[in-house]
């Protein structure tokens, strides 16, 4: 399989090349961060940068274990620097280095260094670290493959529905495509490896969690309830009675799972009152294939919430801040915001039934502003418009945003 070029992420790195700012690439393990760095390094070489001016260290490799001491790491990098030339430093999975931010800050001060770092845990930019590096970094938030990126791995995409089903069931992690070519059943062995590595390294070890049984119950609950409004109390009450399943324990577990990028939280936004709400948020899975792995094939019947999950992740890829909308007593699936604009999205499996169509349109019709409004469905019908609300097919939208 040819390497899938993640153009949006790659273009961001190109845009900030040689800028005096730290490029921080974050995202779940195996989503493609290391590959992105390699592709960018090849781009540098193709554009005249000698290999001697490129220093790349992956802290997951045993051969680099001696560099986990930040002082040794700093001395090593400084010894490799080509003087009076721009040097490109790539530090992959930097969170493995204790107090790495101090080394990163020191390297940043060298005008001859262009610095790129990655991490598989949002701890990388926790409040203390972000404070130290404030104004000195940009964050590139990486996700597994979009459907459009997934399709780029194949020569023949005539049967889009089959491709989409495979995308859902067999995972959006880049390596899953190659595994599927030989034996699709092996994908779940691959996902098992990802899941357990994240659970032990990024969740349990980093947060001193010892109750694996309770933690896994929380993960299963979250994956089983994607797209449902929930609360810490609801989660705690739904789990088997356990002396450790207190509000604070469950809250800490949810935070840890969010920090590891296994789940994403969408907070609620009161459109009319223009305020952010701190209750009844929703959670979404980073990958539907992981959800199949966790919950089994029966979980595929919940296709309405699955496509809602897909739309949520796609909006994140488009660099929106995404919220669950509230307007009086109505709920809008997603409010997608940037500094310049707002878009509203309603997601439904099908609206061919007239009552369903009316129900899905009503919340959008209630919103009294001029921002764009969309109804995304799996209906294979021509695009339509209802009082300015555009109805579009999910697959068309995933492949080509111009349908908006």
Protein backbone atom coordinates (compact mmCIF):
# COMPACT_ATOMS: atom_id res chain seq x y z
CA UNK A 1 0.00 0.00 0.00
CA UNK A 2 1.32 3.43 -0.92
CA UNK A 3 1.72 5.96 1.87
CA UNK A 4 -1.44 8.02 2.29
CA UNK A 5 -0.53 11.69 2.11
CA UNK A 6 -2.39 13.54 4.86
CA UNK A 7 -2.50 16.79 2.92
CA UNK A 8 -4.28 19.05 5.41
CA UNK A 9 -1.82 18.21 8.20
CA UNK A 10 1.18 18.28 5.87
CA UNK A 11 0.19 21.67 4.50
CA UNK A 12 0.00 23.07 8.02
CA UNK A 13 3.57 21.95 8.70
CA UNK A 14 4.67 23.47 5.39
CA UNK A 15 2.93 26.75 6.21
CA UNK A 16 4.76 27.03 9.53
CA UNK A 17 8.15 25.78 8.28
CA UNK A 18 10.99 28.06 9.45
CA UNK A 19 8.59 30.08 11.60
CA UNK A 20 9.88 30.71 15.12
CA UNK A 21 7.19 28.58 16.68
CA UNK A 22 7.03 24.98 17.97
CA UNK A 23 4.92 22.64 15.86
CA UNK A 24 3.08 20.23 18.19
CA UNK A 25 1.29 17.27 16.57
CA UNK A 26 -1.13 15.51 18.94
CA UNK A 27 -3.42 12.53 18.44
CA UNK A 28 -4.17 8.96 19.41
CA UNK A 29 -1.49 6.32 18.96
CA UNK A 30 -1.12 4.91 15.44
CA UNK A 31 -3.16 7.67 13.81
CA UNK A 32 -0.20 8.58 11.59
CA UNK A 33 1.85 11.16 13.49
CA UNK A 34 5.22 9.46 12.92
CA UNK A 35 4.43 8.89 9.24
CA UNK A 36 3.49 12.56 8.90
CA UNK A 37 6.89 13.58 10.26
CA UNK A 38 8.67 11.22 7.85
CA UNK A 39 6.71 12.60 4.89
CA UNK A 40 7.60 16.13 5.96
CA UNK A 41 11.27 15.18 6.36
CA UNK A 42 11.23 13.80 2.80
CA UNK A 43 9.70 17.08 1.67
CA UNK A 44 12.59 18.94 3.30
CA UNK A 45 15.17 16.73 1.56
CA UNK A 46 13.43 17.16 -1.79
CA UNK A 47 13.68 20.91 -1.28
CA UNK A 48 17.40 21.02 -0.66
CA UNK A 49 17.78 20.42 3.08
CA UNK A 50 20.76 18.11 3.71
CA UNK A 51 20.14 15.08 5.93
CA UNK A 52 22.80 16.38 8.32
CA UNK A 53 20.45 19.23 9.22
CA UNK A 54 17.58 16.89 10.12
CA UNK A 55 17.57 15.24 13.56
CA UNK A 56 14.74 12.79 14.27
CA UNK A 57 14.25 10.88 17.53
CA UNK A 58 11.39 8.48 18.37
CA UNK A 59 11.18 7.99 22.12
CA UNK A 60 9.14 4.80 21.78
CA UNK A 61 12.20 3.00 20.37
CA UNK A 62 14.40 1.15 22.84
CA UNK A 63 17.55 2.37 21.09
CA UNK A 64 16.67 5.89 22.22
CA UNK A 65 15.94 4.99 25.84
CA UNK A 66 19.13 6.67 27.01
CA UNK A 67 17.78 9.97 25.69
CA UNK A 68 14.78 9.92 28.04
CA UNK A 69 16.92 11.99 30.39
CA UNK A 70 16.21 15.55 29.30
CA UNK A 71 19.77 16.73 30.00
CA UNK A 72 21.29 13.98 27.85
CA UNK A 73 18.70 14.72 25.17
CA UNK A 74 19.58 18.40 25.09
CA UNK A 75 23.32 17.74 24.98
CA UNK A 76 22.88 15.15 22.22
CA UNK A 77 20.84 17.48 20.01
CA UNK A 78 23.22 20.40 20.54
CA UNK A 79 26.15 18.16 19.58
CA UNK A 80 24.45 17.31 16.27
CA UNK A 81 23.54 20.86 15.30
CA UNK A 82 25.08 22.20 12.10
CA UNK A 83 26.28 25.66 13.06
CA UNK A 84 25.02 28.70 11.16
CA UNK A 85 22.43 26.58 9.35
CA UNK A 86 18.73 25.96 9.96
CA UNK A 87 18.34 22.60 11.74
CA UNK A 88 15.07 20.67 11.76
CA UNK A 89 14.46 18.75 14.99
CA UNK A 90 11.73 16.07 15.24
CA UNK A 91 10.92 14.64 18.66
CA UNK A 92 8.34 11.84 18.37
CA UNK A 93 6.30 10.83 21.47
CA UNK A 94 8.09 13.45 23.54
CA UNK A 95 5.80 12.87 26.55
CA UNK A 96 8.04 9.92 27.47
CA UNK A 97 10.77 12.37 28.50
CA UNK A 98 10.27 13.66 32.03
CA UNK A 99 10.15 17.46 32.17
CA UNK A 100 10.52 17.55 28.40
CA UNK A 101 9.02 21.03 28.23
CA UNK A 102 12.19 22.52 29.74
CA UNK A 103 14.32 21.00 27.00
CA UNK A 104 11.80 22.02 24.35
CA UNK A 105 11.80 25.58 25.65
CA UNK A 106 15.59 25.75 25.59
CA UNK A 107 15.75 24.40 22.02
CA UNK A 108 13.10 26.88 20.95
CA UNK A 109 15.35 29.77 21.99
CA UNK A 110 17.96 28.71 19.43
CA UNK A 111 17.16 30.68 16.25
CA UNK A 112 18.80 27.98 14.11
CA UNK A 113 16.35 25.30 15.25
CA UNK A 114 12.96 24.57 13.70
CA UNK A 115 11.21 22.29 16.19
CA UNK A 116 8.52 19.64 15.65
CA UNK A 117 7.19 17.41 18.46
CA UNK A 118 4.44 14.79 18.74
CA UNK A 119 2.55 13.20 21.60
CA UNK A 120 -0.18 10.62 22.14
CA UNK A 121 -1.64 12.22 25.21
CA UNK A 122 -3.23 15.62 25.75
CA UNK A 123 -1.04 15.86 28.87
CA UNK A 124 1.51 17.13 26.37
CA UNK A 125 -0.24 20.49 26.54
CA UNK A 126 -1.55 20.41 30.09
CA UNK A 127 -2.06 23.76 31.77
CA UNK A 128 1.41 23.97 33.35
CA UNK A 129 3.23 23.07 30.13
CA UNK A 130 1.02 25.30 28.01
CA UNK A 131 1.76 28.16 30.40
CA UNK A 132 5.52 27.64 30.00
CA UNK A 133 5.26 27.45 26.22
CA UNK A 134 2.44 29.95 25.83
CA UNK A 135 2.59 31.84 22.55
CA UNK A 136 5.41 29.61 21.37
CA UNK A 137 3.56 26.72 19.75
CA UNK A 138 0.78 25.76 17.39
CA UNK A 139 -1.09 22.49 17.85
CA UNK A 140 -1.91 20.21 14.92
CA UNK A 141 -4.69 17.94 16.17
CA UNK A 142 -4.44 14.69 14.23
CA UNK A 143 -7.16 12.05 13.86
CA UNK A 144 -7.22 8.67 12.10
CA UNK A 145 -8.09 8.71 8.40
CA UNK A 146 -11.03 10.67 7.08
CA UNK A 147 -13.22 8.76 4.63
CA UNK A 148 -11.73 10.75 1.75
CA UNK A 149 -8.19 9.87 2.88
CA UNK A 150 -9.26 6.23 3.29
CA UNK A 151 -10.57 6.13 -0.29
CA UNK A 152 -7.26 7.46 -1.60
CA UNK A 153 -5.65 4.12 -0.70
CA UNK A 154 -7.71 2.28 -3.35
CA UNK A 155 -7.66 2.33 -7.14
CA UNK A 156 -11.31 1.31 -7.50
CA UNK A 157 -13.97 3.13 -5.50
CA UNK A 158 -17.05 2.43 -7.59
CA UNK A 159 -18.92 0.86 -4.64
CA UNK A 160 -18.82 3.70 -2.14
CA UNK A 161 -21.31 2.10 0.24
CA UNK A 162 -19.12 -0.99 0.61
CA UNK A 163 -16.05 1.15 1.15
CA UNK A 164 -17.91 3.15 3.79
CA UNK A 165 -19.05 0.00 5.60
CA UNK A 166 -15.47 -1.28 5.61
CA UNK A 167 -14.27 2.12 6.84
CA UNK A 168 -16.64 1.85 9.78
CA UNK A 169 -16.19 -1.79 10.65
CA UNK A 170 -12.49 -2.30 9.99
CA UNK A 171 -11.23 0.99 11.38
CA UNK A 172 -9.94 4.32 10.13
CA UNK A 173 -6.42 3.73 11.48
CA UNK A 174 -4.05 3.88 8.47
CA UNK A 175 -2.42 0.49 9.08
CA UNK A 176 -5.79 -1.28 9.13
CA UNK A 177 -6.07 -0.95 5.34
CA UNK A 178 -2.89 -2.94 4.79
CA UNK A 179 -3.99 -5.57 7.31
CA UNK A 180 -7.38 -5.94 5.62
CA UNK A 181 -5.71 -6.79 2.33
CA UNK A 182 -4.55 -10.13 3.74
CA UNK A 183 -7.10 -11.02 6.42
CA UNK A 184 -9.82 -8.71 7.71
CA UNK A 185 -10.18 -10.72 10.90
CA UNK A 186 -6.67 -9.64 11.89
CA UNK A 187 -7.81 -6.03 12.16
CA UNK A 188 -9.27 -6.75 15.57
CA UNK A 189 -5.93 -8.17 16.74
CA UNK A 190 -4.37 -4.91 15.57
CA UNK A 191 -7.02 -2.84 17.35
CA UNK A 192 -6.58 -4.96 20.48
CA UNK A 193 -2.92 -3.98 20.50
CA UNK A 194 -3.69 -0.28 20.10
CA UNK A 195 -6.41 -0.33 22.74
CA UNK A 196 -4.36 -2.14 25.38
CA UNK A 197 -1.28 0.00 24.76
CA UNK A 198 -3.36 3.15 25.22
CA UNK A 199 -5.12 1.75 28.26
CA UNK A 200 -1.89 0.80 30.04
CA UNK A 201 0.56 3.49 28.89
CA UNK A 202 -1.60 6.56 28.32
CA UNK A 203 -4.40 6.00 30.81
CA UNK A 204 -3.48 3.69 33.70
CA UNK A 205 0.25 4.34 34.02
CA UNK A 206 0.10 8.07 33.45
CA UNK A 207 -2.82 8.56 35.84
CA UNK A 208 -1.93 5.94 38.47
CA UNK A 209 -5.12 3.98 37.81
CA UNK A 210 -5.08 0.42 39.16
CA UNK A 211 -8.70 -0.73 38.73
CA UNK A 212 -8.56 -2.00 35.12
CA UNK A 213 -11.93 -3.73 35.48
CA UNK A 214 -13.79 -0.55 36.37
CA UNK A 215 -11.87 1.46 33.77
CA UNK A 216 -12.89 -0.93 31.00
CA UNK A 217 -16.51 -0.78 32.13
CA UNK A 218 -16.35 2.99 31.75
CA UNK A 219 -14.83 2.68 28.25
CA UNK A 220 -17.56 0.24 27.18
CA UNK A 221 -20.26 2.50 28.57
CA UNK A 222 -18.86 5.52 26.73
CA UNK A 223 -18.56 3.63 23.44
CA UNK A 224 -22.04 2.17 23.83
CA UNK A 225 -23.50 5.63 24.41
CA UNK A 226 -21.93 7.74 21.66
CA UNK A 227 -24.23 10.61 20.79
CA UNK A 228 -26.32 10.30 23.96
CA UNK A 229 -26.48 13.11 26.46
CA UNK A 230 -24.85 11.87 29.61
CA UNK A 231 -23.39 12.89 32.96
CA UNK A 232 -20.89 11.53 35.45
CA UNK A 233 -23.75 10.62 37.79
CA UNK A 234 -25.51 8.69 35.04
CA UNK A 235 -22.35 6.75 34.26
CA UNK A 236 -21.67 5.95 37.90
CA UNK A 237 -25.26 4.86 38.50
CA UNK A 238 -25.30 2.62 35.41
CA UNK A 239 -22.21 0.66 36.44
CA UNK A 240 -22.34 -2.26 38.85
CA UNK A 241 -22.13 -1.21 42.45
CA UNK A 242 -18.48 -0.80 43.23
CA UNK A 243 -16.86 0.92 46.19
CA UNK A 244 -14.55 2.77 43.79
CA UNK A 245 -17.21 3.95 41.34
CA UNK A 246 -17.68 7.31 43.04
CA UNK A 247 -18.38 10.53 41.18
CA UNK A 248 -14.76 11.68 41.51
CA UNK A 249 -13.35 8.33 40.36
CA UNK A 250 -15.56 8.17 37.27
CA UNK A 251 -14.83 11.83 36.51
CA UNK A 252 -11.08 11.18 36.70
CA UNK A 253 -11.42 8.14 34.44
CA UNK A 254 -13.37 10.12 31.85
CA UNK A 255 -10.74 12.87 31.91
CA UNK A 256 -7.98 10.30 31.43
CA UNK A 257 -9.78 8.65 28.50
CA UNK A 258 -10.32 12.05 26.91
CA UNK A 259 -6.66 12.98 27.45
CA UNK A 260 -5.62 9.76 25.67
CA UNK A 261 -7.91 10.63 22.71
CA UNK A 262 -9.97 7.42 23.05
CA UNK A 263 -13.06 9.57 23.48
CA UNK A 264 -13.95 13.17 22.63
CA UNK A 265 -16.31 15.38 24.60
CA UNK A 266 -18.77 17.74 22.93
CA UNK A 267 -20.11 20.34 25.34
CA UNK A 268 -23.49 21.99 24.95
CA UNK A 269 -24.02 25.52 23.70
CA UNK A 270 -27.11 27.62 24.25
CA UNK A 271 -27.55 29.29 20.85
CA UNK A 272 -30.21 31.74 22.03
CA UNK A 273 -28.43 32.72 25.24
CA UNK A 274 -24.97 32.53 23.64
CA UNK A 275 -23.51 30.66 26.60
CA UNK A 276 -21.71 27.37 27.14
CA UNK A 277 -23.45 24.79 29.29
CA UNK A 278 -21.60 22.47 31.67
CA UNK A 279 -24.12 19.64 31.90
CA UNK A 280 -25.49 16.83 29.71
CA UNK A 281 -22.57 16.82 27.27
CA UNK A 282 -22.09 14.09 24.66
CA UNK A 283 -19.12 11.85 23.97
CA UNK A 284 -17.86 10.32 20.73
CA UNK A 285 -15.41 7.52 19.86
CA UNK A 286 -12.17 8.31 18.06
CA UNK A 287 -12.74 5.37 15.69
CA UNK A 288 -15.84 3.30 14.94
CA UNK A 289 -13.68 0.24 14.24
CA UNK A 290 -12.50 0.42 17.85
CA UNK A 291 -16.14 0.53 18.87
CA UNK A 292 -16.85 -2.65 16.88
CA UNK A 293 -13.84 -4.24 18.58
CA UNK A 294 -15.11 -3.22 22.02
CA UNK A 295 -18.83 -3.95 21.63
CA UNK A 296 -19.09 -6.57 18.87
CA UNK A 297 -21.00 -6.67 15.59
CA UNK A 298 -24.35 -5.89 17.22
CA UNK A 299 -23.11 -2.35 17.83
CA UNK A 300 -23.39 -1.75 14.07
CA UNK A 301 -27.17 -1.63 14.35
CA UNK A 302 -26.89 1.79 15.98
CA UNK A 303 -26.15 3.38 12.61
CA UNK A 304 -27.85 6.68 13.43
CA UNK A 305 -25.42 7.44 16.25
CA UNK A 306 -22.53 6.01 14.23
CA UNK A 307 -22.97 8.49 11.38
CA UNK A 308 -23.42 11.26 13.94
CA UNK A 309 -20.02 10.22 15.34
CA UNK A 310 -18.54 10.34 11.84
CA UNK A 311 -19.88 13.87 11.22
CA UNK A 312 -18.53 15.05 14.58
CA UNK A 313 -15.01 13.80 13.80
CA UNK A 314 -15.13 15.29 10.31
CA UNK A 315 -16.04 18.70 11.71
CA UNK A 316 -13.03 18.45 14.03
CA UNK A 317 -10.85 17.66 11.01
CA UNK A 318 -12.16 20.87 9.44
CA UNK A 319 -10.77 22.74 12.47
CA UNK A 320 -14.13 23.71 13.90
CA UNK A 321 -14.87 23.90 17.59
CA UNK A 322 -17.88 21.62 17.83
CA UNK A 323 -20.72 21.83 20.34
CA UNK A 324 -24.14 20.29 20.90
CA UNK A 325 -26.68 23.02 20.22
CA UNK A 326 -29.62 24.01 22.43
CA UNK A 327 -32.30 26.44 21.30
CA UNK A 328 -35.15 26.72 23.81
CA UNK A 329 -36.30 23.09 24.15
CA UNK A 330 -34.84 21.98 20.83
CA UNK A 331 -31.53 20.24 20.23
CA UNK A 332 -29.27 20.81 17.25
CA UNK A 333 -26.80 17.99 16.72
CA UNK A 334 -23.79 20.21 16.06
CA UNK A 335 -22.86 23.86 16.25
CA UNK A 336 -19.56 24.22 14.37
CA UNK A 337 -17.72 27.45 15.21
CA UNK A 338 -14.65 29.34 14.10
CA UNK A 339 -13.67 32.88 14.99
CA UNK A 340 -15.36 34.06 11.79
CA UNK A 341 -18.48 31.94 11.37
CA UNK A 342 -20.97 29.41 12.70
CA UNK A 343 -22.59 26.48 10.93
CA UNK A 344 -25.42 24.27 12.17
CA UNK A 345 -25.71 20.57 11.37
CA UNK A 346 -28.52 18.11 11.95
CA UNK A 347 -27.71 14.42 11.29
CA UNK A 348 -30.26 11.70 10.54
CA UNK A 349 -29.99 8.23 9.04
CA UNK A 350 -32.98 8.91 6.76
CA UNK A 351 -35.62 11.61 6.35
CA UNK A 352 -37.67 10.03 3.59
CA UNK A 353 -40.52 9.72 6.07
CA UNK A 354 -42.30 13.09 6.09
CA UNK A 355 -42.72 13.22 9.87
CA UNK A 356 -39.04 12.46 10.38
CA UNK A 357 -38.10 15.22 7.95
CA UNK A 358 -40.30 17.70 9.79
CA UNK A 359 -38.84 16.64 13.14
CA UNK A 360 -35.25 17.08 11.94
CA UNK A 361 -35.89 20.43 10.25
CA UNK A 362 -37.81 21.99 13.12
CA UNK A 363 -34.82 22.74 15.41
CA UNK A 364 -32.90 24.37 12.55
CA UNK A 365 -35.93 26.41 11.49
CA UNK A 366 -36.24 27.80 15.02
CA UNK A 367 -32.78 29.36 14.92
CA UNK A 368 -33.23 33.02 14.10
CA UNK A 369 -29.97 33.96 12.42
CA UNK A 370 -28.46 33.89 8.94
CA UNK A 371 -25.74 31.29 9.44
CA UNK A 372 -25.75 28.23 7.19
CA UNK A 373 -27.80 25.21 8.21
CA UNK A 374 -27.42 21.63 6.98
CA UNK A 375 -29.28 18.35 7.26
CA UNK A 376 -26.94 15.40 6.60
CA UNK A 377 -28.46 11.98 5.88
CA UNK A 378 -27.62 8.64 4.30
CA UNK A 379 -30.48 9.04 1.81
CA UNK A 380 -29.16 8.60 -1.71
CA UNK A 381 -31.29 11.42 -3.09
CA UNK A 382 -30.41 14.60 -4.98
CA UNK A 383 -29.52 17.58 -2.75
CA UNK A 384 -32.51 19.60 -1.64
CA UNK A 385 -33.22 22.84 0.18
CA UNK A 386 -35.94 23.60 2.74
CA UNK A 387 -36.26 27.29 3.59
CA UNK A 388 -32.52 27.68 3.18
CA UNK A 389 -31.64 24.46 4.99
CA UNK A 390 -29.55 22.28 2.69
CA UNK A 391 -30.11 18.52 2.75
CA UNK A 392 -27.01 16.63 1.59
CA UNK A 393 -25.85 13.03 1.43
CA UNK A 394 -23.26 12.04 4.03
CA UNK A 395 -20.87 10.31 1.61
CA UNK A 396 -21.04 13.21 -0.86
CA UNK A 397 -20.19 15.60 1.99
CA UNK A 398 -17.34 13.46 3.30
CA UNK A 399 -15.75 13.28 -0.14
CA UNK A 400 -16.38 16.81 -1.36
CA UNK A 401 -17.24 19.68 1.00
CA UNK A 402 -18.24 21.81 -2.00
CA UNK A 403 -21.69 20.15 -1.82
CA UNK A 404 -22.37 22.57 1.01
